[in-house]
C-alpha atoms as a PDB file:
ATOM      1  CA  UNK A   1      -9.709   7.746   4.597  1.00  0.00           C
ATOM      2  CA  UNK A   2      -8.933   5.493   6.798  1.00  0.00           C
ATOM      3  CA  UNK A   3      -5.494   5.508   9.487  1.00  0.00           C
ATOM      4  CA  UNK A   4      -4.036   2.662  10.326  1.00  0.00           C
ATOM      5  CA  UNK A   5      -4.536   1.290  14.096  1.00  0.00           C
ATOM      6  CA  UNK A   6      -1.626  -0.818  13.766  1.00  0.00           C
ATOM      7  CA  UNK A   7       1.251  -2.502  12.042  1.00  0.00           C
ATOM      8  CA  UNK A   8       1.852  -5.330   9.092  1.00  0.00           C
ATOM      9  CA  UNK A   9       4.928  -7.333   8.797  1.00  0.00           C
ATOM     10  CA  UNK A  10       5.830 -10.197   6.291  1.00  0.00           C
ATOM     11  CA  UNK A  11       7.718 -11.558   3.653  1.00  0.00           C
ATOM     12  CA  UNK A  12       8.427 -13.491   0.161  1.00  0.00           C
ATOM     13  CA  UNK A  13      10.627 -14.356  -2.158  1.00  0.00           C
ATOM     14  CA  UNK A  14      10.914 -13.897  -5.721  1.00  0.00           C
ATOM     15  CA  UNK A  15      13.976 -15.409  -8.167  1.00  0.00           C
ATOM     16  CA  UNK A  16      15.699 -16.042  -4.552  1.00  0.00           C
ATOM     17  CA  UNK A  17      15.767 -11.927  -3.924  1.00  0.00           C
ATOM     18  CA  UNK A  18      14.111 -11.339  -0.098  1.00  0.00           C
ATOM     19  CA  UNK A  19      11.332  -8.761   0.381  1.00  0.00           C
ATOM     20  CA  UNK A  20      10.593  -7.934   3.939  1.00  0.00           C
ATOM     21  CA  UNK A  21       7.688  -5.067   3.959  1.00  0.00           C
ATOM     22  CA  UNK A  22       6.743  -3.536   7.296  1.00  0.00           C
ATOM     23  CA  UNK A  23       3.192  -0.895   7.242  1.00  0.00           C
ATOM     24  CA  UNK A  24       2.773   1.320  10.011  1.00  0.00           C
ATOM     25  CA  UNK A  25       0.590   4.750  11.350  1.00  0.00           C
ATOM     26  CA  UNK A  26       2.540   7.711  10.430  1.00  0.00           C
ATOM     27  CA  UNK A  27       1.814  10.808  12.629  1.00  0.00           C
ATOM     28  CA  UNK A  28       4.490  13.080  10.952  1.00  0.00           C
ATOM     29  CA  UNK A  29       7.084  13.061   7.901  1.00  0.00           C
ATOM     30  CA  UNK A  30       9.190  13.788  11.001  1.00  0.00           C
ATOM     31  CA  UNK A  31       8.915  10.186  12.050  1.00  0.00           C
ATOM     32  CA  UNK A  32       9.919   9.057   8.262  1.00  0.00           C
ATOM     33  CA  UNK A  33      13.678   9.468   8.698  1.00  0.00           C
ATOM     34  CA  UNK A  34      13.939   7.562  12.166  1.00  0.00           C
ATOM     35  CA  UNK A  35      11.798   4.341  10.832  1.00  0.00           C
ATOM     36  CA  UNK A  36      14.150   4.012   7.846  1.00  0.00           C
ATOM     37  CA  UNK A  37      17.103   4.429  10.537  1.00  0.00           C
ATOM     38  CA  UNK A  38      15.476   1.747  12.304  1.00  0.00           C
ATOM     39  CA  UNK A  39      15.022  -0.501   9.423  1.00  0.00           C
ATOM     40  CA  UNK A  40      18.619  -0.160   8.056  1.00  0.00           C
ATOM     41  CA  UNK A  41      19.881  -0.562  11.655  1.00  0.00           C
ATOM     42  CA  UNK A  42      17.626  -4.045  11.645  1.00  0.00           C
ATOM     43  CA  UNK A  43      18.787  -4.918   8.486  1.00  0.00           C
ATOM     44  CA  UNK A  44      22.780  -4.162   8.093  1.00  0.00           C
ATOM     45  CA  UNK A  45      23.001  -6.802   4.819  1.00  0.00           C
ATOM     46  CA  UNK A  46      20.230  -5.528   2.892  1.00  0.00           C
ATOM     47  CA  UNK A  47      20.808  -3.911  -0.382  1.00  0.00           C
ATOM     48  CA  UNK A  48      17.566  -1.946  -0.568  1.00  0.00           C
ATOM     49  CA  UNK A  49      15.279  -0.076   1.871  1.00  0.00           C
ATOM     50  CA  UNK A  50      12.487   1.290  -0.545  1.00  0.00           C
ATOM     51  CA  UNK A  51       9.807   3.668   1.161  1.00  0.00           C
ATOM     52  CA  UNK A  52       6.744   5.359   0.652  1.00  0.00           C
ATOM     53  CA  UNK A  53       4.370   7.547   3.008  1.00  0.00           C
ATOM     54  CA  UNK A  54       0.107   9.458   2.722  1.00  0.00           C
ATOM     55  CA  UNK A  55      -0.063  11.719   5.571  1.00  0.00           C
ATOM     56  CA  UNK A  56      -2.605  14.104   5.784  1.00  0.00           C
ATOM     57  CA  UNK A  57      -6.524  14.592   5.946  1.00  0.00           C
ATOM     58  CA  UNK A  58      -6.859  14.164   2.259  1.00  0.00           C
ATOM     59  CA  UNK A  59      -3.573  12.063   1.631  1.00  0.00           C
ATOM     60  CA  UNK A  60      -2.506  14.933  -0.012  1.00  0.00           C
ATOM     61  CA  UNK A  61       1.364  14.806   1.600  1.00  0.00           C
ATOM     62  CA  UNK A  62       3.223  12.064   0.475  1.00  0.00           C
ATOM     63  CA  UNK A  63       6.591  10.693  -0.368  1.00  0.00           C
ATOM     64  CA  UNK A  64       8.687   8.058  -1.562  1.00  0.00           C
ATOM     65  CA  UNK A  65      12.431   6.688  -2.294  1.00  0.00           C
ATOM     66  CA  UNK A  66      13.845   4.039  -4.498  1.00  0.00           C
ATOM     67  CA  UNK A  67      16.800   3.877  -2.590  1.00  0.00           C
ATOM     68  CA  UNK A  68      19.220   2.962  -5.471  1.00  0.00           C
ATOM     69  CA  UNK A  69      17.199   0.741  -7.279  1.00  0.00           C
ATOM     70  CA  UNK A  70      16.474   1.688 -10.922  1.00  0.00           C
ATOM     71  CA  UNK A  71      14.101   4.918 -10.971  1.00  0.00           C
ATOM     72  CA  UNK A  72      10.753   4.443 -10.761  1.00  0.00           C
ATOM     73  CA  UNK A  73      10.812   0.454 -10.184  1.00  0.00           C
ATOM     74  CA  UNK A  74      10.464   0.530  -6.031  1.00  0.00           C
ATOM     75  CA  UNK A  75       8.991   3.764  -4.759  1.00  0.00           C
ATOM     76  CA  UNK A  76       6.760   4.780  -7.010  1.00  0.00           C
ATOM     77  CA  UNK A  77       4.740   1.276  -7.453  1.00  0.00           C
ATOM     78  CA  UNK A  78       4.687   1.092  -3.470  1.00  0.00           C
ATOM     79  CA  UNK A  79       2.857   4.693  -3.225  1.00  0.00           C
ATOM     80  CA  UNK A  80       0.552   4.209  -5.874  1.00  0.00           C
ATOM     81  CA  UNK A  81      -0.616   1.105  -3.972  1.00  0.00           C
ATOM     82  CA  UNK A  82      -1.148   3.231  -1.151  1.00  0.00           C
ATOM     83  CA  UNK A  83      -2.604   6.204  -3.091  1.00  0.00           C
ATOM     84  CA  UNK A  84      -5.549   3.621  -4.177  1.00  0.00           C
ATOM     85  CA  UNK A  85      -5.794   2.051  -0.582  1.00  0.00           C
ATOM     86  CA  UNK A  86      -7.621   4.984   1.020  1.00  0.00           C
ATOM     87  CA  UNK A  87      -5.587   5.054   3.722  1.00  0.00           C
ATOM     88  CA  UNK A  88      -3.532   7.889   4.956  1.00  0.00           C
ATOM     89  CA  UNK A  89      -1.148   8.505   7.655  1.00  0.00           C
ATOM     90  CA  UNK A  90       0.982   5.499   6.591  1.00  0.00           C
ATOM     91  CA  UNK A  91       4.468   4.518   5.797  1.00  0.00           C
ATOM     92  CA  UNK A  92       5.703   0.879   4.259  1.00  0.00           C
ATOM     93  CA  UNK A  93       8.830  -0.312   4.104  1.00  0.00           C
ATOM     94  CA  UNK A  94      10.398  -2.657   1.989  1.00  0.00           C
ATOM     95  CA  UNK A  95      13.940  -4.166   2.514  1.00  0.00           C
ATOM     96  CA  UNK A  96      15.016  -6.263   0.139  1.00  0.00           C
ATOM     97  CA  UNK A  97      17.820  -8.926   0.098  1.00  0.00           C
ATOM     98  CA  UNK A  98      19.390  -9.113  -3.494  1.00  0.00           C
ATOM     99  CA  UNK A  99      19.259 -13.029  -4.311  1.00  0.00           C
ATOM    100  CA  UNK A 100      21.473 -12.709  -7.115  1.00  0.00           C
ATOM    101  CA  UNK A 101      19.465 -12.971 -10.257  1.00  0.00           C
ATOM    102  CA  UNK A 102      18.411  -9.230 -11.822  1.00  0.00           C
ATOM    103  CA  UNK A 103      14.568  -8.930 -11.802  1.00  0.00           C
ATOM    104  CA  UNK A 104      14.361  -6.272 -14.643  1.00  0.00           C
ATOM    105  CA  UNK A 105      12.318  -3.108 -14.247  1.00  0.00           C
ATOM    106  CA  UNK A 106       8.840  -5.270 -15.006  1.00  0.00           C
ATOM    107  CA  UNK A 107       9.515  -7.991 -12.183  1.00  0.00           C
ATOM    108  CA  UNK A 108      11.225  -4.813  -9.472  1.00  0.00           C
ATOM    109  CA  UNK A 109       7.692  -2.914 -10.379  1.00  0.00           C
ATOM    110  CA  UNK A 110       5.768  -5.949  -9.808  1.00  0.00           C
ATOM    111  CA  UNK A 111       7.406  -7.509  -6.878  1.00  0.00           C
ATOM    112  CA  UNK A 112       7.317  -3.878  -4.870  1.00  0.00           C
ATOM    113  CA  UNK A 113       4.421  -3.673  -5.635  1.00  0.00           C
ATOM    114  CA  UNK A 114       2.524  -7.128  -4.255  1.00  0.00           C
ATOM    115  CA  UNK A 115       5.115  -6.218  -1.550  1.00  0.00           C
ATOM    116  CA  UNK A 116       2.836  -3.154  -0.628  1.00  0.00           C
ATOM    117  CA  UNK A 117      -0.889  -4.636  -1.714  1.00  0.00           C
ATOM    118  CA  UNK A 118       0.303  -7.551   1.277  1.00  0.00           C
ATOM    119  CA  UNK A 119       1.593  -4.763   3.429  1.00  0.00           C
ATOM    120  CA  UNK A 120      -1.832  -2.893   3.185  1.00  0.00           C
ATOM    121  CA  UNK A 121      -4.032  -6.023   2.438  1.00  0.00           C
ATOM    122  CA  UNK A 122      -3.031  -6.845   6.274  1.00  0.00           C
ATOM    123  CA  UNK A 123      -3.091  -3.795   8.176  1.00  0.00           C
ATOM    124  CA  UNK A 124      -5.949  -3.366  10.287  1.00  0.00           C
ATOM    125  CA  UNK A 125      -7.296   0.820  10.024  1.00  0.00           C
ATOM    126  CA  UNK A 126     -10.047   2.515  11.110  1.00  0.00           C
ATOM    127  CA  UNK A 127     -12.343   5.977  10.501  1.00  0.00           C
ATOM    128  CA  UNK A 128      -9.967   9.246  10.139  1.00  0.00           C
ATOM    129  CA  UNK A 129     -11.478  11.507  12.780  1.00  0.00           C
ATOM    130  CA  UNK A 130     -10.993  14.621  14.008  1.00  0.00           C
ATOM    131  CA  UNK A 131      -9.255  13.928  17.466  1.00  0.00           C
ATOM    132  CA  UNK A 132      -8.304  16.776  20.543  1.00  0.00           C
ATOM    133  CA  UNK A 133      -5.203  16.321  22.909  1.00  0.00           C
ATOM    134  CA  UNK A 134      -6.486  16.151  26.055  1.00  0.00           C
ATOM    135  CA  UNK A 135      -4.637  16.890  29.642  1.00  0.00           C
ATOM    136  CA  UNK A 136      -7.053  15.505  32.454  1.00  0.00           C
ATOM    137  CA  UNK A 137      -5.344  15.616  36.349  1.00  0.00           C
ATOM    138  CA  UNK A 138      -7.854  13.316  38.828  1.00  0.00           C
ATOM    139  CA  UNK A 139      -7.841  11.760  42.910  1.00  0.00           C
ATOM    140  CA  UNK A 140      -6.498   8.901  42.587  1.00  0.00           C
ATOM    141  CA  UNK A 141      -9.952   6.771  44.130  1.00  0.00           C
ATOM    142  CA  UNK A 142     -11.292   8.131  40.764  1.00  0.00           C
ATOM    143  CA  UNK A 143      -8.665   6.510  38.529  1.00  0.00           C
ATOM    144  CA  UNK A 144      -9.977   2.800  37.538  1.00  0.00           C
ATOM    145  CA  UNK A 145     -13.052   4.569  36.823  1.00  0.00           C
ATOM    146  CA  UNK A 146     -12.009   7.076  34.747  1.00  0.00           C
ATOM    147  CA  UNK A 147      -9.834   4.917  32.627  1.00  0.00           C
ATOM    148  CA  UNK A 148     -12.912   2.773  32.501  1.00  0.00           C
ATOM    149  CA  UNK A 149     -14.909   6.267  30.953  1.00  0.00           C
ATOM    150  CA  UNK A 150     -11.889   6.481  28.487  1.00  0.00           C
ATOM    151  CA  UNK A 151     -11.527   3.268  26.607  1.00  0.00           C
ATOM    152  CA  UNK A 152     -15.844   3.202  26.378  1.00  0.00           C
ATOM    153  CA  UNK A 153     -15.175   6.780  24.294  1.00  0.00           C
ATOM    154  CA  UNK A 154     -12.310   5.726  22.548  1.00  0.00           C
ATOM    155  CA  UNK A 155      -9.763   8.141  24.385  1.00  0.00           C
ATOM    156  CA  UNK A 156      -5.998   7.184  23.730  1.00  0.00           C
ATOM    157  CA  UNK A 157      -3.426   7.714  26.979  1.00  0.00           C
ATOM    158  CA  UNK A 158      -0.346   8.523  25.640  1.00  0.00           C
ATOM    159  CA  UNK A 159       0.704   9.774  29.181  1.00  0.00           C
ATOM    160  CA  UNK A 160      -0.166   8.746  32.580  1.00  0.00           C
ATOM    161  CA  UNK A 161       1.869  10.749  35.601  1.00  0.00           C
ATOM    162  CA  UNK A 162       1.938   9.864  39.139  1.00  0.00           C
ATOM    163  CA  UNK A 163       2.053  12.856  41.885  1.00  0.00           C
ATOM    164  CA  UNK A 164      -0.162  14.351  44.394  1.00  0.00           C
ATOM    165  CA  UNK A 165      -2.972  13.889  41.465  1.00  0.00           C
ATOM    166  CA  UNK A 166      -2.645  11.813  38.725  1.00  0.00           C
ATOM    167  CA  UNK A 167      -2.017  13.280  35.125  1.00  0.00           C
ATOM    168  CA  UNK A 168      -3.526  11.780  32.354  1.00  0.00           C
ATOM    169  CA  UNK A 169      -2.456  12.613  28.829  1.00  0.00           C
ATOM    170  CA  UNK A 170      -4.153  12.062  25.305  1.00  0.00           C
ATOM    171  CA  UNK A 171      -6.320  12.153  22.351  1.00  0.00           C
ATOM    172  CA  UNK A 172      -9.957  11.441  22.285  1.00  0.00           C
ATOM    173  CA  UNK A 173     -12.147  12.114  19.129  1.00  0.00           C
ATOM    174  CA  UNK A 174     -13.891  15.072  18.188  1.00  0.00           C
ATOM    175  CA  UNK A 175     -17.216  13.578  19.067  1.00  0.00           C
ATOM    176  CA  UNK A 176     -16.553  12.057  22.211  1.00  0.00           C
ATOM    177  CA  UNK A 177     -15.081  14.671  24.236  1.00  0.00           C
ATOM    178  CA  UNK A 178     -17.963  16.812  24.959  1.00  0.00           C
ATOM    179  CA  UNK A 179     -19.980  13.274  25.982  1.00  0.00           C
ATOM    180  CA  UNK A 180     -16.984  11.981  27.870  1.00  0.00           C
ATOM    181  CA  UNK A 181     -16.649  16.091  29.410  1.00  0.00           C
ATOM    182  CA  UNK A 182     -19.832  15.350  30.732  1.00  0.00           C
ATOM    183  CA  UNK A 183     -19.644  12.175  32.014  1.00  0.00           C
ATOM    184  CA  UNK A 184     -16.305  13.072  34.079  1.00  0.00           C
ATOM    185  CA  UNK A 185     -18.279  15.911  36.031  1.00  0.00           C
ATOM    186  CA  UNK A 186     -20.855  13.537  36.740  1.00  0.00           C
ATOM    187  CA  UNK A 187     -18.600  11.007  37.999  1.00  0.00           C
ATOM    188  CA  UNK A 188     -16.291  13.153  40.228  1.00  0.00           C
ATOM    189  CA  UNK A 189     -19.566  15.682  41.355  1.00  0.00           C
ATOM    190  CA  UNK A 190     -18.430  18.367  39.579  1.00  0.00           C
ATOM    191  CA  UNK A 191     -14.274  18.689  40.827  1.00  0.00           C
ATOM    192  CA  UNK A 192     -12.866  16.919  37.433  1.00  0.00           C
ATOM    193  CA  UNK A 193     -12.377  18.662  34.041  1.00  0.00           C
ATOM    194  CA  UNK A 194     -11.132  17.881  30.827  1.00  0.00           C
ATOM    195  CA  UNK A 195      -8.666  20.512  28.811  1.00  0.00           C
ATOM    196  CA  UNK A 196      -8.832  19.908  25.583  1.00  0.00           C
END
């Protein structure tokens, strides 16, 4: 399985109906409603905000919505494309502006499927790896060197706090954690250790 490393957006038109697509990383189901609400707020005139998502190491948690399009003509084709892509922890939103010409059920399935294909194809991904959360407290003089080490070991820093010491929080791939811990010990002469 692969996971998104960024997001992807685009648009195309079918018989004057505009389809805007957004594909992005999703860490849990709670985020789905937030992203749908944001899409509705950004596109208040849109007729439909269709979505599908896949979560989990095996891609076995998923959901979708046709958002008032005829049943199984919107969310289902998007979900099927995602299932075939091998990408997990992904959400695809498709915003439709109706152009005045009905596409019919076959036309809708084709258009939403095409939007999902373009979204999946444009998404940059990396192999899914187990990651550990980490917490690290370091003295100010080691900050730049530690940041370089974290980047070298593909650690993602999500929070930095500058107090009497610098506190870094983030995630690191499971297979890099032990070696990074060793490098931090060497760099700091044993004074810095990483909490996993």
